[in-house]
Structure formats: C-alpha cells, structure tokens
Protein backbone atom coordinates (compact mmCIF):
# COMPACT_ATOMS: atom_id res chain seq x y z
CA MET A 1 2.21 -17.21 23.48
CA PHE A 2 2.15 -17.86 19.75
CA ASN A 3 4.36 -18.67 16.77
CA LEU A 4 4.18 -16.84 13.45
CA PHE A 5 5.28 -18.46 10.19
CA SER A 6 5.52 -17.04 6.68
CA ILE A 7 4.08 -19.43 4.09
CA LYS A 8 3.84 -19.38 0.31
CA GLY A 9 0.62 -19.05 -1.61
CA GLY A 10 -0.81 -15.74 -0.42
CA ILE A 11 -4.55 -15.58 0.19
CA SER A 12 -4.96 -19.10 -1.24
CA ASN A 13 -3.98 -20.42 2.20
CA VAL A 14 -6.80 -18.75 4.10
CA LYS A 15 -9.66 -21.09 4.92
CA GLY A 16 -12.84 -20.47 2.96
CA PHE A 17 -11.44 -17.87 0.54
CA TYR A 18 -11.23 -18.38 -3.23
CA CYS A 19 -9.62 -16.13 -5.82
CA ASP A 20 -8.71 -15.93 -9.49
CA GLY A 21 -7.61 -13.45 -12.13
CA VAL A 22 -8.19 -13.37 -15.89
CA ASN A 23 -7.43 -11.15 -18.85
CA VAL A 24 -10.36 -9.69 -20.80
CA GLY A 25 -8.34 -7.32 -22.96
CA MET A 26 -8.31 -4.23 -20.76
CA LYS A 27 -4.61 -4.46 -19.94
CA THR A 28 -3.42 -6.39 -23.02
CA ASN A 29 -5.50 -8.10 -25.65
CA PRO A 30 -4.72 -11.81 -25.19
CA GLU A 31 -5.98 -12.61 -28.71
CA ASN A 32 -3.26 -10.44 -30.24
CA SER A 33 -0.54 -11.34 -27.79
CA GLU A 34 2.20 -13.90 -28.29
CA ASP A 35 2.60 -14.17 -24.52
CA SER A 36 0.39 -16.91 -23.13
CA ASP A 37 1.12 -15.68 -19.61
CA VAL A 38 -0.27 -12.17 -20.03
CA ASP A 39 -1.23 -10.76 -16.63
CA GLY A 40 -4.92 -10.50 -15.92
CA ASP A 41 -6.93 -7.32 -15.58
CA VAL A 42 -10.03 -8.53 -13.71
CA ALA A 43 -9.95 -10.59 -10.51
CA PHE A 44 -12.10 -11.64 -7.57
CA ILE A 45 -11.90 -12.74 -3.96
CA ARG A 46 -14.82 -14.84 -2.72
CA SER A 47 -15.61 -16.24 0.72
CA GLU A 48 -17.79 -19.27 1.35
CA ALA A 49 -19.02 -17.55 4.53
CA LEU A 50 -20.12 -13.95 5.01
CA CYS A 51 -17.27 -11.72 6.13
CA ASP A 52 -16.99 -8.82 8.49
CA ILE A 53 -15.15 -6.07 6.68
CA THR A 54 -13.39 -2.85 7.57
CA ALA A 55 -11.58 -0.48 5.23
CA ARG A 56 -9.41 2.62 5.06
CA PHE A 57 -9.60 4.88 2.01
CA THR A 58 -7.67 7.69 0.36
CA SER A 59 -7.60 11.18 1.85
CA ASN A 60 -8.13 12.59 -1.65
CA LYS A 61 -11.42 14.56 -1.66
CA PHE A 62 -12.30 13.20 -5.12
CA GLN A 63 -12.89 9.59 -4.12
CA ALA A 64 -13.52 7.15 -6.97
CA ALA A 65 -16.86 5.44 -7.64
CA PRO A 66 -15.90 2.09 -6.00
CA LEU A 67 -15.21 3.89 -2.71
CA LYS A 68 -18.54 5.71 -2.86
CA HIS A 69 -20.30 2.46 -3.73
CA TYR A 70 -18.77 0.81 -0.63
CA GLN A 71 -19.80 3.71 1.59
CA ASN A 72 -23.41 3.42 0.42
CA TYR A 73 -23.75 0.17 2.38
CA PRO A 74 -25.06 0.36 5.96
CA LYS A 75 -22.63 0.36 8.88
CA ASP A 76 -21.32 -3.10 9.84
CA PHE A 77 -22.53 -4.75 6.63
CA LYS A 78 -21.17 -8.16 5.67
CA THR A 79 -19.99 -9.33 2.26
CA ASN A 80 -18.87 -12.47 0.47
CA PHE A 81 -17.48 -11.07 -2.79
CA LEU A 82 -14.89 -8.56 -3.97
CA LEU A 83 -14.33 -7.75 -7.64
CA MET A 84 -11.21 -5.93 -8.85
CA ASN A 85 -10.06 -4.46 -12.15
CA SER A 86 -6.98 -2.66 -13.42
CA LYS A 87 -6.45 -0.20 -16.29
CA ASN A 88 -9.55 1.87 -15.41
CA ALA A 89 -9.93 3.67 -12.08
CA ASN A 90 -13.65 4.45 -12.48
CA ALA A 91 -12.81 7.80 -10.87
CA MET A 92 -14.41 11.18 -11.58
CA THR A 93 -17.21 9.33 -13.41
CA GLY A 94 -20.08 10.74 -11.34
CA ALA A 95 -23.28 8.86 -10.57
CA LYS A 96 -22.85 6.77 -13.74
CA GLY A 97 -19.71 5.22 -12.27
CA ILE A 98 -21.69 3.82 -9.35
CA GLU A 99 -24.52 2.72 -11.65
CA ASP A 100 -22.00 0.78 -13.75
CA ILE A 101 -20.83 -1.11 -10.67
CA ASN A 102 -24.39 -2.02 -9.73
CA SER A 103 -25.12 -3.21 -13.27
CA ILE A 104 -22.04 -5.43 -13.30
CA PHE A 105 -22.99 -7.04 -10.00
CA GLU A 106 -26.60 -7.52 -11.06
CA GLU A 107 -25.36 -9.53 -14.04
CA LEU A 108 -23.00 -11.61 -11.90
CA ASN A 109 -25.70 -12.39 -9.36
CA LYS A 110 -28.22 -13.27 -12.07
CA THR A 111 -26.06 -15.49 -14.25
CA HIS A 112 -23.23 -17.03 -12.21
CA LEU A 113 -23.43 -17.14 -8.41
CA PRO A 114 -25.24 -15.53 -5.49
CA ILE A 115 -23.38 -12.58 -4.00
CA HIS A 116 -24.14 -10.59 -0.89
CA ASN A 117 -23.26 -6.89 -0.62
CA PRO A 118 -20.52 -7.22 -3.27
CA ILE A 119 -17.63 -4.76 -3.31
CA MET A 120 -15.63 -3.42 -6.23
CA SER A 121 -12.15 -1.92 -6.37
CA SER A 122 -10.55 -0.36 -9.44
CA THR A 123 -7.16 1.00 -10.43
CA GLY A 124 -5.96 2.65 -13.62
CA VAL A 125 -6.69 5.78 -15.63
CA ILE A 126 -8.98 8.45 -14.21
CA GLY A 127 -11.99 9.91 -16.02
CA TYR A 128 -13.35 6.97 -18.06
CA ARG A 129 -16.38 4.81 -17.35
CA LEU A 130 -15.90 1.06 -16.99
CA ASN A 131 -16.26 -1.15 -20.03
CA GLN A 132 -19.09 -3.25 -18.62
CA LYS A 133 -19.05 -5.72 -21.49
CA LYS A 134 -15.38 -6.62 -20.97
CA ILE A 135 -15.67 -6.91 -17.20
CA ILE A 136 -18.80 -9.06 -17.44
CA SER A 137 -16.98 -11.31 -19.92
CA ALA A 138 -14.61 -12.23 -17.09
CA PHE A 139 -17.41 -14.10 -15.33
CA ASP A 140 -17.34 -16.86 -17.97
CA LYS A 141 -13.56 -17.16 -17.60
CA PHE A 142 -13.33 -17.21 -13.81
CA ASN A 143 -13.02 -20.42 -11.86
CA PHE A 144 -15.03 -19.34 -8.83
CA ASP A 145 -13.62 -22.26 -6.82
CA ALA A 146 -10.00 -21.48 -7.66
CA LYS A 147 -7.35 -20.60 -5.10
CA ASN A 148 -4.99 -18.67 -7.33
CA SER A 149 -3.51 -15.85 -5.30
CA GLU A 150 -0.73 -15.20 -7.81
CA LYS A 151 -3.11 -14.55 -10.71
CA THR A 152 -5.24 -12.38 -8.47
CA ALA A 153 -2.24 -10.34 -7.35
CA ARG A 154 -1.02 -9.91 -10.93
CA ALA A 155 -4.42 -8.81 -12.19
CA ILE A 156 -4.37 -5.64 -10.05
CA MET A 157 -0.86 -4.59 -11.12
CA THR A 158 -0.54 -1.40 -13.18
CA THR A 159 2.96 0.13 -13.21
CA ASP A 160 4.12 -2.45 -10.65
CA ALA A 161 7.27 -4.35 -11.60
CA PHE A 162 6.38 -7.36 -9.47
CA LYS A 163 3.42 -8.92 -7.68
CA LYS A 164 3.01 -8.34 -3.96
CA GLU A 165 1.49 -11.03 -1.75
CA LEU A 166 2.16 -12.40 1.73
CA CYS A 167 0.67 -14.96 4.08
CA PHE A 168 1.32 -15.77 7.73
CA LYS A 169 0.14 -18.76 9.73
CA ILE A 170 -0.20 -18.18 13.46
CA ASP A 171 -0.07 -21.18 15.82
CA LEU A 172 -1.47 -20.60 19.32
CA ASP A 173 -0.56 -22.43 22.52
CA ASP A 174 -3.99 -24.05 22.72
CA GLY A 175 -3.24 -25.98 19.53
CA SER A 176 -5.43 -23.84 17.28
CA SER A 177 -4.23 -21.69 14.40
CA PHE A 178 -5.37 -19.03 11.96
CA HIS A 179 -4.10 -17.36 8.80
CA ILE A 180 -3.78 -13.79 7.62
CA ALA A 181 -2.79 -12.99 4.04
CA ALA A 182 -2.87 -10.13 1.56
CA ILE A 183 -2.31 -9.01 -1.99
CA CYS A 184 -1.24 -5.46 -2.70
CA LYS A 185 -0.45 -3.16 -5.61
CA GLY A 186 1.44 0.11 -5.69
CA ALA A 187 4.49 1.65 -7.30
CA GLY A 188 3.86 5.34 -8.09
CA MET A 189 1.73 8.16 -6.67
CA ILE A 190 2.48 6.99 -3.13
CA ASN A 191 2.22 9.54 -0.34
CA PRO A 192 2.09 9.19 3.46
CA ALA A 193 -1.71 9.40 3.37
CA MET A 194 -2.12 6.24 1.32
CA ALA A 195 -1.96 6.71 -2.41
CA THR A 196 -2.14 4.72 -5.62
CA MET A 197 -2.25 1.57 -3.67
CA LEU A 198 -4.73 -1.24 -3.13
CA CYS A 199 -4.37 -3.82 -0.37
CA PHE A 200 -6.80 -6.65 0.32
CA ILE A 201 -6.23 -8.57 3.55
CA THR A 202 -8.08 -11.80 4.29
CA THR A 203 -8.17 -13.81 7.48
CA ASP A 204 -9.96 -16.84 8.88
CA ALA A 205 -9.31 -15.62 12.45
CA ASP A 206 -12.38 -15.33 14.67
CA ILE A 207 -11.67 -11.65 15.24
CA PRO A 208 -14.31 -9.33 16.73
CA LYS A 209 -15.36 -6.46 14.45
CA GLU A 210 -14.21 -3.85 16.97
CA ASP A 211 -10.72 -5.36 16.95
CA MET A 212 -10.68 -5.25 13.15
CA GLU A 213 -11.35 -1.52 13.24
CA GLU A 214 -8.75 -0.81 15.91
CA LEU A 215 -5.97 -3.00 14.57
CA LEU A 216 -6.32 -2.04 10.90
CA THR A 217 -6.22 1.65 11.78
CA THR A 218 -3.01 1.19 13.78
CA ALA A 219 -1.39 -1.06 11.17
CA THR A 220 -2.17 1.37 8.35
CA GLU A 221 -0.75 4.31 10.30
CA GLN A 222 2.47 2.37 10.95
CA SER A 223 2.95 1.21 7.37
CA PHE A 224 1.14 2.60 4.32
CA ASN A 225 0.73 6.03 5.90
CA ARG A 226 4.49 6.31 6.42
CA ILE A 227 5.72 5.80 2.87
CA SER A 228 6.22 8.15 -0.04
CA VAL A 229 7.33 7.50 -3.60
CA ASP A 230 6.50 10.74 -5.38
CA GLY A 231 4.29 12.67 -2.98
CA ASP A 232 1.03 12.35 -4.93
CA THR A 233 -2.24 11.09 -3.47
CA SER A 234 -4.68 9.24 -5.71
CA THR A 235 -8.45 8.84 -5.83
CA ASN A 236 -8.68 5.07 -5.29
CA ASP A 237 -6.40 4.11 -2.39
CA THR A 238 -7.91 1.29 -0.41
CA VAL A 239 -6.90 -1.05 2.41
CA MET A 240 -9.49 -3.69 3.27
CA LEU A 241 -9.58 -6.40 5.92
CA LEU A 242 -12.07 -9.25 5.43
CA ALA A 243 -12.63 -11.88 8.14
CA ASN A 244 -14.78 -14.97 7.61
CA LYS A 245 -13.86 -16.42 11.05
CA LEU A 246 -13.84 -20.03 9.81
CA SER A 247 -10.78 -21.07 11.84
CA ASN A 248 -12.58 -20.51 15.17
CA SER A 249 -9.21 -19.32 16.49
CA TYR A 250 -8.04 -15.87 17.61
CA ASN A 251 -5.58 -14.07 19.85
CA LYS A 252 -5.53 -10.28 19.74
CA GLU A 253 -1.81 -9.77 20.38
CA ALA A 254 -0.89 -12.46 17.86
CA PHE A 255 -3.19 -10.92 15.27
CA ARG A 256 -1.82 -7.44 16.00
CA GLU A 257 1.77 -8.58 15.44
CA ALA A 258 0.90 -10.49 12.28
CA LEU A 259 -1.13 -7.63 10.78
CA ASN A 260 1.55 -5.04 11.60
CA LYS A 261 4.24 -7.24 10.06
CA LEU A 262 2.11 -7.95 6.99
CA THR A 263 1.27 -4.32 6.23
CA PHE A 264 4.79 -3.05 6.94
CA GLU A 265 6.43 -5.62 4.66
CA LEU A 266 3.95 -4.83 1.88
CA ALA A 267 4.63 -1.10 2.32
CA MET A 268 8.35 -1.74 1.93
CA MET A 269 7.63 -3.76 -1.24
CA ILE A 270 5.79 -0.73 -2.64
CA LEU A 271 8.80 1.50 -1.96
CA LYS A 272 11.20 -0.99 -3.53
CA ASP A 273 8.92 -1.07 -6.58
CA GLY A 274 8.67 2.74 -6.78
CA GLU A 275 8.69 3.98 -10.36
CA GLY A 276 12.28 4.97 -11.14
CA ALA A 277 13.41 4.15 -7.59
CA ASN A 278 16.59 2.33 -6.56
CA LYS A 279 16.91 3.04 -2.84
CA LEU A 280 14.72 2.62 0.24
CA VAL A 281 15.44 5.28 2.86
CA ALA A 282 14.11 5.64 6.42
CA PHE A 283 13.73 9.26 7.57
CA GLU A 284 13.90 9.24 11.35
CA VAL A 285 13.20 12.54 13.07
CA LYS A 286 13.72 12.66 16.82
CA GLY A 287 14.19 15.36 19.44
CA ALA A 288 11.31 17.39 18.01
CA LYS A 289 9.09 19.51 20.25
CA ASN A 290 6.36 16.87 20.01
CA GLU A 291 5.33 13.87 17.90
CA GLN A 292 3.21 16.02 15.58
CA GLU A 293 6.21 18.17 14.66
CA ALA A 294 8.41 15.09 14.24
CA ARG A 295 5.82 13.62 11.89
CA ARG A 296 5.57 16.83 9.88
CA ALA A 297 9.33 17.04 9.39
CA SER A 298 9.76 13.35 8.63
CA MET A 299 6.97 13.32 6.07
CA ALA A 300 8.35 16.48 4.48
CA LEU A 301 11.64 14.64 3.97
CA SER A 302 10.06 11.50 2.53
CA ASN A 303 7.95 13.64 0.16
CA SER A 304 10.57 16.15 -1.00
CA LEU A 305 11.48 15.81 -4.67
CA LEU A 306 14.68 17.75 -3.98
CA VAL A 307 15.68 15.16 -1.39
CA LYS A 308 14.66 12.28 -3.65
CA THR A 309 16.76 13.49 -6.57
CA ALA A 310 19.72 14.07 -4.24
CA LEU A 311 19.39 10.48 -3.05
CA PHE A 312 19.25 9.29 -6.66
CA GLY A 313 22.42 11.24 -7.45
CA GLU A 314 24.06 9.83 -4.29
CA ASP A 315 24.95 13.37 -3.25
CA PRO A 316 26.05 13.32 0.42
CA ASN A 317 25.56 17.08 0.88
CA TRP A 318 23.21 17.61 3.84
CA GLY A 319 21.84 20.92 2.52
CA ARG A 320 18.60 19.58 1.08
CA ILE A 321 17.88 17.62 4.26
CA ALA A 322 18.32 20.66 6.50
CA SER A 323 16.46 22.95 4.12
CA THR A 324 13.46 20.63 4.00
CA ILE A 325 13.28 20.43 7.80
CA GLY A 326 13.40 24.22 8.05
CA ALA A 327 10.72 24.60 5.38
CA SER A 328 8.40 22.14 7.16
CA GLY A 329 7.46 24.84 9.67
CA ILE A 330 8.44 22.98 12.83
CA ASN A 331 10.38 24.53 15.71
CA CYS A 332 14.06 24.03 14.93
CA ASP A 333 17.47 25.57 15.55
CA ASP A 334 20.50 24.98 13.36
CA THR A 335 22.81 25.05 16.41
CA LYS A 336 20.99 22.09 17.96
CA LEU A 337 20.35 20.01 14.81
CA THR A 338 22.36 16.88 14.02
CA ILE A 339 22.07 14.73 10.88
CA HIS A 340 23.35 11.18 10.50
CA TYR A 341 23.43 8.81 7.54
CA ASP A 342 23.23 5.48 9.33
CA ASN A 343 25.78 5.98 12.14
CA LEU A 344 27.86 8.58 10.33
CA LEU A 345 27.56 12.17 11.56
CA ILE A 346 26.94 14.42 8.56
CA TYR A 347 26.04 17.70 10.24
CA SER A 348 26.26 19.27 13.70
CA ASN A 349 26.89 22.76 15.05
CA GLU A 350 30.54 21.83 15.53
CA GLN A 351 30.94 20.03 12.19
CA ARG A 352 29.06 21.99 9.57
CA GLU A 353 31.34 21.21 6.64
CA LEU A 354 32.03 17.73 5.32
CA ASP A 355 35.71 16.87 5.24
CA LYS A 356 37.00 14.50 2.57
CA GLU A 357 37.03 11.46 4.87
CA ARG A 358 33.42 11.82 6.02
CA GLU A 359 32.26 12.74 2.54
CA ASP A 360 33.76 9.51 1.15
CA LYS A 361 32.12 7.46 3.93
CA ALA A 362 28.78 9.16 3.27
CA TYR A 363 29.07 8.45 -0.42
CA LYS A 364 29.57 4.74 0.29
CA ILE A 365 26.47 4.68 2.52
CA MET A 366 24.39 6.37 -0.17
CA LYS A 367 25.35 3.71 -2.68
CA ASN A 368 23.55 1.11 -0.56
CA ASP A 369 20.09 -0.12 -1.52
CA SER A 370 18.78 1.05 1.83
CA PHE A 371 19.94 3.25 4.68
CA ARG A 372 18.65 5.56 7.42
CA VAL A 373 18.73 9.36 7.64
CA THR A 374 18.43 10.40 11.29
CA CYS A 375 17.74 14.03 12.14
CA ASP A 376 17.84 15.02 15.82
CA ILE A 377 16.11 18.39 16.26
CA GLY A 378 17.44 18.71 19.81
CA LEU A 379 14.38 20.43 21.28
CA GLY A 380 12.16 17.75 22.82
CA GLU A 381 11.01 14.13 22.90
CA GLY A 382 8.98 13.91 19.67
CA GLU A 383 9.89 11.04 17.33
CA PHE A 384 8.55 9.79 14.01
CA THR A 385 9.94 7.70 11.14
CA SER A 386 8.62 7.67 7.58
CA TYR A 387 9.99 5.86 4.55
CA GLY A 388 10.81 7.10 1.08
CA CYS A 389 12.84 6.34 -2.00
CA ASP A 390 15.00 8.09 -4.54
CA LEU A 391 13.69 9.32 -7.88
CA SER A 392 15.58 10.27 -11.00
CA TYR A 393 15.31 13.80 -12.35
CA GLU A 394 13.95 12.32 -15.59
CA TYR A 395 11.11 10.61 -13.70
CA VAL A 396 10.19 13.79 -11.86
CA LYS A 397 10.30 15.76 -15.11
CA ILE A 398 8.35 13.52 -17.48
CA ASN A 399 5.93 11.61 -15.22
CA ALA A 400 2.94 13.82 -15.90
CA GLU A 401 0.46 11.01 -16.58
CA TYR A 402 -2.04 10.85 -13.71
CA ARG A 403 -2.46 7.18 -12.81
CA THR A 404 -4.12 5.36 -9.94
C-alpha cells in the first residue's frame, strides 16, 4: 500500500535535482523591458547524481536537432544535465544545428561545471540556428545550485498562457518515500501523437531502467497521445523521465499510479491552455468493432476542425459528430449509432431529430467548460477516449504561423 500527496514546488522537491531559468533576450529583451519579472528563455535541470533517462519523441519525420543529438548517444546512457531554450526550435537546421548544441555544451563544461552526456531541448520558431552567444550568456546568470521550478517552467513557455508544473510525494508502508515531479509546456499544435509539447519528469525513486521504459510508454499513450488542440504535429515534441534514484525507495504500482496521474493532469492543462480554446471535451467511442477502430474514430473527432468550431459555437447539432465518424473509415451503421452529450441522448435511430426540449438541454451542456461526447457504434467491444478542445473560426483561419 501507499499514499500519494500533491505538493507545491514542482521539481524543486525532488532530491538531488536543481533548476533555474533566466532571460537572455531571446524571448524579451530584459534591458528594454519595464517588467522586472519577464519570463526566462533559457533554463536547466541538473542532478547531483547521474540519472537513468528514457524519452518519447514526436512522430514528425523532420525531427529537430536536439532530438537527433539525444539519439546520437549510446543506448542506456546516463546524464546529469538538461538545457532548455524557448523562442528557437533549432529544427530543420541540418548538421549545423547539432554542431551548435555541441559547441554550447563544450563551453559550459569548460567554463562553469562538469557535465556528463548533456541533453538539450528547444521550442520556438523552425528554421533558424541557435544564437550561441545569447545561450552561453545564460551560464553566467544561472544559479546552478538553485531549486527554482517556477522559473524553469516559465522559461520554456511560448504561446502558453500559464506555467505547468506538478509534484507528488509517495509514502510507502515501509516508512520510505520518493518524489516524482514535472514541468511541461504546450498550448497549440497539439495532436494525439504528441505535438508542440515538452515535458520533463524527474524522480528520486530507485526505479529500474526497464520499468522507466515500460511505465513512460504507457503513461504517454494514456495522456499526451490522447489530446488534440489543432491537429498539427511539431518537430520537437519530447517527454523525458530522469531518475537519479537518491531516495533509495521504490514501488512499481505506486510509481505507475503517480506517473499516470502526473502525465494525465499535465495533458489536461495543455488542453485548457489551448490557443483560442474555452472548452475541454472528452470524445468517448465505444461499441466499435475493435479498439483500433475506436481509437481511429475518437482521434478523428478530437482532431476535426469542423467539430472544434461547432463546439466553440455551442452548436448542439450532432451532424458534424456523425459525419466525422463516418469519414474516419471505421465500420459503422447509422441505425446502430447513438450519440450522447454527457447523459443526454442526442442521436439514435429512433430519435434522429432534436426536439426543442433536448436541444435546449444540449445547449446548456455545451456551455460548460468541460463535458463528454459519447458515441456508441453498436458493433463490438472496442473502446477508446481521446480529449480535445474547441477552437474559434478566427483561430483556425489566421493561425498560419508554424510554431513548436
């Protein structure tokens, strides 16, 4: 048995991890700003002990330089340092993008502190090389012994409206305990294959490497790979789990529950922060021929811009829901399909038209900040739920800037 507690302070609570964020003028020039609390644009996470690490990356075929740099390390490498920057994705920069990362780390190792297999993660505009001079200038500003999770979380924000950080303490029956915490960024270009999001999870649990691989894969599939803001997939998406094992405490089931809760809550924060979004909607598909078909239909609903704009307009008409399911290519039959908004029946073979009473009830549901759309295909046992949000027509129309 175990007890799980949410505590303030993010990754600052995890034993042996240090973090800080500073502004070097990539996001906003602090010298010309009247705001003394300008968010940072370069940050780090450092461990006093070498960490096992596992990661999941974007499905986009054009992976950014930081992802390629990571994958150049040998299997099962260990690290003690992660550097992050916003405003520049270092994506589509070719071999020079990786060379820039190596040059930055060579300078850090030479002039400030020893680092082992350092990792970099970037977010921002695609197609521009890093400004090495500005990033290196952060090294004189960092407090490498700081535990400032908030500044670190704010430094990786781009179009985010708010910082995203969580920490759980897990107490075990034997009297031992461990922590798991994370910072995350993401607001737009979010698709159920991870997109425009970065998540860095730290733990002092004494977790075996094989468990890290297994549990992070499952947690990612149940959280970040089930959300969609605008259906786009970026070049930089990253979820990392770093474990320095300094607590000498571990329980697999406790860690599983904590990691699943952590990643799911962060995924919901991303949806709530979606650019132009006001509503968080669960798209539950059940009764499909199999789980694969349920997943395909559910993800089609969470991705559909037609559905998103209907949600934004609070239009209770079920037409766009049914049309999207039919267009997904799964086995379906309109005489067997039912659609509910929360517990309200919207469509069935017997009730194909909304009467005034049900339409008014549906309208009230759609005015809520969150609700569930349940579609029963009526053909099998397959089930899958993904999560999406509404988007305004103006956002869909004018958001042509490609950001990561």
